[in-house]
Protein backbone atom coordinates (compact mmCIF):
# COMPACT_ATOMS: atom_id res chain seq x y z
CA UNK A 1 -113.56 139.75 -109.18
CA UNK A 2 -111.11 138.87 -106.44
CA UNK A 3 -110.44 140.42 -103.07
CA UNK A 4 -112.64 141.25 -100.16
CA UNK A 5 -115.66 142.22 -102.31
CA UNK A 6 -115.36 139.23 -104.60
CA UNK A 7 -115.03 136.80 -101.70
CA UNK A 8 -112.16 134.97 -103.33
CA UNK A 9 -108.50 135.75 -103.49
CA UNK A 10 -107.66 133.56 -106.57
CA UNK A 11 -109.45 132.60 -109.74
CA UNK A 12 -109.01 128.90 -110.71
CA UNK A 13 -107.86 128.27 -114.28
CA UNK A 14 -107.34 132.01 -114.97
CA UNK A 15 -104.59 132.73 -117.45
CA UNK A 16 -104.25 136.55 -117.90
CA UNK A 17 -102.19 136.38 -121.12
CA UNK A 18 -104.93 134.33 -122.88
CA UNK A 19 -108.07 135.27 -120.98
CA UNK A 20 -107.85 139.08 -120.96
CA UNK A 21 -108.92 140.37 -124.40
CA UNK A 22 -106.66 142.66 -126.37
CA UNK A 23 -107.16 146.31 -125.41
CA UNK A 24 -108.49 145.45 -121.94
CA UNK A 25 -106.39 146.51 -118.99
CA UNK A 26 -105.78 144.26 -116.00
CA UNK A 27 -104.62 146.25 -112.95
CA UNK A 28 -103.83 145.39 -109.38
CA UNK A 29 -102.89 147.07 -106.15
CA UNK A 30 -101.26 145.42 -103.23
CA UNK A 31 -99.81 148.40 -101.32
CA UNK A 32 -100.62 150.02 -98.03
CA UNK A 33 -101.12 153.57 -96.72
CA UNK A 34 -97.51 153.53 -95.53
CA UNK A 35 -96.31 153.32 -99.13
CA UNK A 36 -96.73 157.10 -99.50
CA UNK A 37 -95.62 159.78 -97.11
CA UNK A 38 -97.89 162.41 -95.71
CA UNK A 39 -95.86 164.97 -97.69
CA UNK A 40 -96.31 163.07 -100.95
CA UNK A 41 -100.03 162.71 -100.41
CA UNK A 42 -100.37 166.41 -99.62
CA UNK A 43 -98.51 167.30 -102.83
CA UNK A 44 -101.24 165.46 -104.77
CA UNK A 45 -103.96 167.01 -102.71
CA UNK A 46 -102.56 170.46 -103.39
CA UNK A 47 -102.34 169.82 -107.11
CA UNK A 48 -105.99 168.84 -107.22
CA UNK A 49 -107.06 171.77 -105.06
CA UNK A 50 -105.18 174.20 -107.31
CA UNK A 51 -106.71 172.68 -110.50
CA UNK A 52 -103.31 171.56 -111.84
CA UNK A 53 -104.27 167.92 -111.53
CA UNK A 54 -107.79 167.14 -112.85
CA UNK A 55 -109.65 164.07 -111.63
CA UNK A 56 -112.40 162.68 -113.77
CA UNK A 57 -115.08 161.91 -111.22
CA UNK A 58 -117.98 159.65 -112.28
CA UNK A 59 -121.22 159.18 -110.48
CA UNK A 60 -121.70 159.31 -106.73
CA UNK A 61 -123.51 156.70 -104.76
CA UNK A 62 -124.47 156.44 -101.10
CA UNK A 63 -123.11 153.32 -99.46
CA UNK A 64 -126.46 151.53 -99.54
CA UNK A 65 -126.35 151.70 -103.34
CA UNK A 66 -122.98 149.96 -103.52
CA UNK A 67 -124.30 147.08 -105.67
CA UNK A 68 -125.66 149.54 -108.23
CA UNK A 69 -122.19 151.23 -108.32
CA UNK A 70 -120.63 147.80 -108.97
CA UNK A 71 -122.92 147.00 -111.81
CA UNK A 72 -122.12 150.38 -113.44
CA UNK A 73 -118.40 149.56 -113.02
CA UNK A 74 -118.79 146.03 -114.25
CA UNK A 75 -120.51 147.28 -117.41
CA UNK A 76 -117.80 149.93 -118.00
CA UNK A 77 -120.28 152.81 -117.75
CA UNK A 78 -118.85 154.84 -115.00
CA UNK A 79 -117.01 157.39 -117.17
CA UNK A 80 -114.76 158.29 -114.34
CA UNK A 81 -113.97 157.34 -110.79
CA UNK A 82 -116.94 156.14 -108.84
CA UNK A 83 -117.45 157.91 -105.51
CA UNK A 84 -119.01 156.05 -102.64
CA UNK A 85 -120.33 158.33 -99.93
CA UNK A 86 -120.22 157.21 -96.37
CA UNK A 87 -122.82 159.18 -94.38
């Protein structure tokens, strides 16, 4: 894992074309909040609220159970988007 949670921004000797197994997806995101306008975001929110856009939500975890959520994600057992609640 790379990024803030992984504590490293690069992986030495990592070759995506050879190291990522067939059928496994490698995704990345490097955007910012300014990449989408308030109007575009609201259109997505409205679609979700109206039920026209369905989101598959997986388990919910309070922030102090973040490590447990990561284990679930790492083992590909989330069955949807993991929600972390900040209370």
